[in-house]
Protein backbone atom coordinates (compact mmCIF):
# COMPACT_ATOMS: atom_id res chain seq x y z
CA MET A 1 10.96 -17.19 3.31
CA ASP A 2 8.45 -18.79 5.65
CA VAL A 3 5.35 -16.68 6.10
CA PRO A 4 3.10 -17.58 9.03
CA ASN A 5 -0.52 -18.40 8.32
CA PRO A 6 -2.75 -15.33 8.64
CA VAL A 7 -5.54 -15.03 11.18
CA TYR A 8 -7.98 -14.06 8.44
CA LYS A 9 -7.72 -14.96 4.79
CA VAL A 10 -9.72 -13.18 2.10
CA GLU A 11 -9.73 -14.71 -1.36
CA LEU A 12 -10.54 -12.34 -4.19
CA ASN A 13 -11.06 -13.13 -7.84
CA ILE A 14 -8.79 -10.35 -9.12
CA SER A 15 -5.54 -10.09 -11.04
CA ASP A 16 -2.17 -10.12 -9.33
CA TYR A 17 -1.77 -6.45 -10.32
CA HIS A 18 -4.96 -5.43 -8.49
CA LEU A 19 -3.93 -7.58 -5.53
CA LEU A 20 -0.62 -5.70 -5.42
CA VAL A 21 -2.50 -2.39 -5.43
CA ILE A 22 -4.79 -3.49 -2.58
CA ARG A 23 -1.82 -4.69 -0.54
CA ASP A 24 -0.01 -1.41 -1.12
CA LEU A 25 -3.11 0.51 0.04
CA MET A 26 -3.38 -1.70 3.14
CA ARG A 27 0.31 -1.20 3.88
CA MET A 28 0.02 2.58 3.67
CA LEU A 29 -3.17 2.65 5.75
CA THR A 30 -1.45 0.54 8.43
CA LEU A 31 1.60 2.81 8.47
CA GLN A 32 -0.57 5.92 8.77
CA ALA A 33 -2.64 4.44 11.61
CA VAL A 34 0.43 3.30 13.58
CA VAL A 35 2.13 6.68 13.17
CA GLN A 36 -1.07 8.45 14.27
CA ILE A 37 -1.37 6.26 17.39
CA LEU A 38 2.31 6.77 18.27
CA PHE A 39 1.98 10.56 17.88
CA PHE A 40 -1.13 10.47 20.07
CA LEU A 41 0.69 8.49 22.76
CA ARG A 42 3.77 10.74 22.61
CA HIS A 43 1.97 14.10 22.49
CA GLY A 44 -1.18 14.27 24.59
CA ASP A 45 -2.50 17.38 22.84
CA ILE A 46 -2.98 15.58 19.48
CA GLU A 47 -6.45 14.24 18.78
CA LEU A 48 -6.57 10.55 17.88
CA PHE A 49 -7.81 10.02 14.30
CA SER A 50 -8.70 13.68 13.81
CA SER A 51 -10.38 14.97 10.66
CA PHE A 52 -6.97 16.26 9.50
CA PHE A 53 -5.49 12.76 9.87
CA VAL A 54 -8.39 11.14 8.00
CA GLU A 55 -8.17 13.72 5.20
CA ASN A 56 -4.40 13.30 4.93
CA THR A 57 -4.71 9.50 4.83
CA VAL A 58 -7.40 9.64 2.13
CA PHE A 59 -5.20 11.93 0.02
CA ILE A 60 -2.23 9.57 0.39
CA LEU A 61 -4.36 6.57 -0.62
CA LEU A 62 -5.74 8.50 -3.62
CA GLY A 63 -2.15 9.34 -4.55
CA LEU A 64 -1.27 5.65 -4.48
CA LEU A 65 -4.24 4.87 -6.75
CA VAL A 66 -3.12 7.56 -9.20
CA TYR A 67 0.35 6.02 -9.17
CA TRP A 68 -0.76 2.41 -9.74
CA TYR A 69 -3.46 3.14 -12.31
CA GLY A 70 -1.96 6.21 -13.97
CA VAL A 71 1.74 6.87 -13.68
CA ASN A 72 2.75 3.21 -13.59
CA HIS A 73 1.02 2.67 -16.95
CA LEU A 74 2.61 5.75 -18.54
CA ILE A 75 6.22 5.39 -17.37
CA ARG A 76 7.94 2.09 -16.73
CA ILE A 77 11.55 1.92 -15.57
CA THR A 78 13.13 -1.46 -16.15
CA ASN A 79 16.50 -3.07 -15.73
CA GLU A 80 18.67 -3.60 -18.82
CA LYS A 81 19.14 -7.24 -17.85
CA ASP A 82 15.38 -7.94 -17.73
CA LYS A 83 14.15 -6.96 -21.19
CA GLN A 84 11.15 -9.30 -21.20
CA ASP A 85 9.33 -7.38 -18.45
CA LEU A 86 8.16 -10.69 -16.96
CA ASN A 87 9.38 -10.03 -13.43
CA TYR A 88 8.41 -6.37 -13.39
CA TYR A 89 6.11 -6.45 -10.38
CA GLN A 90 7.37 -7.32 -6.94
CA SER A 91 6.71 -10.88 -5.92
CA ILE A 92 3.34 -11.48 -4.31
CA LEU A 93 3.00 -13.95 -1.47
CA ILE A 94 -0.25 -15.82 -1.96
């Protein structure tokens, strides 16, 4: 798959696992922001980036952190065909 060059590139000295966590947090933050903007455009009585939205987004991001650094280390569901656990994490485009 050809991925276009990004406008900004940030290079971090972190593991692929932490990079996956950061990308997941960015993905969720982007989804939340887009949904908030679309709701604001559709319904004029909704405040853009209200305190409720910010609180809800922070709770979702904290939930993702609990998943990646808690649950994912306690319970791992794998495929019977892939016993070596080498390809456990989704591929990361670098």
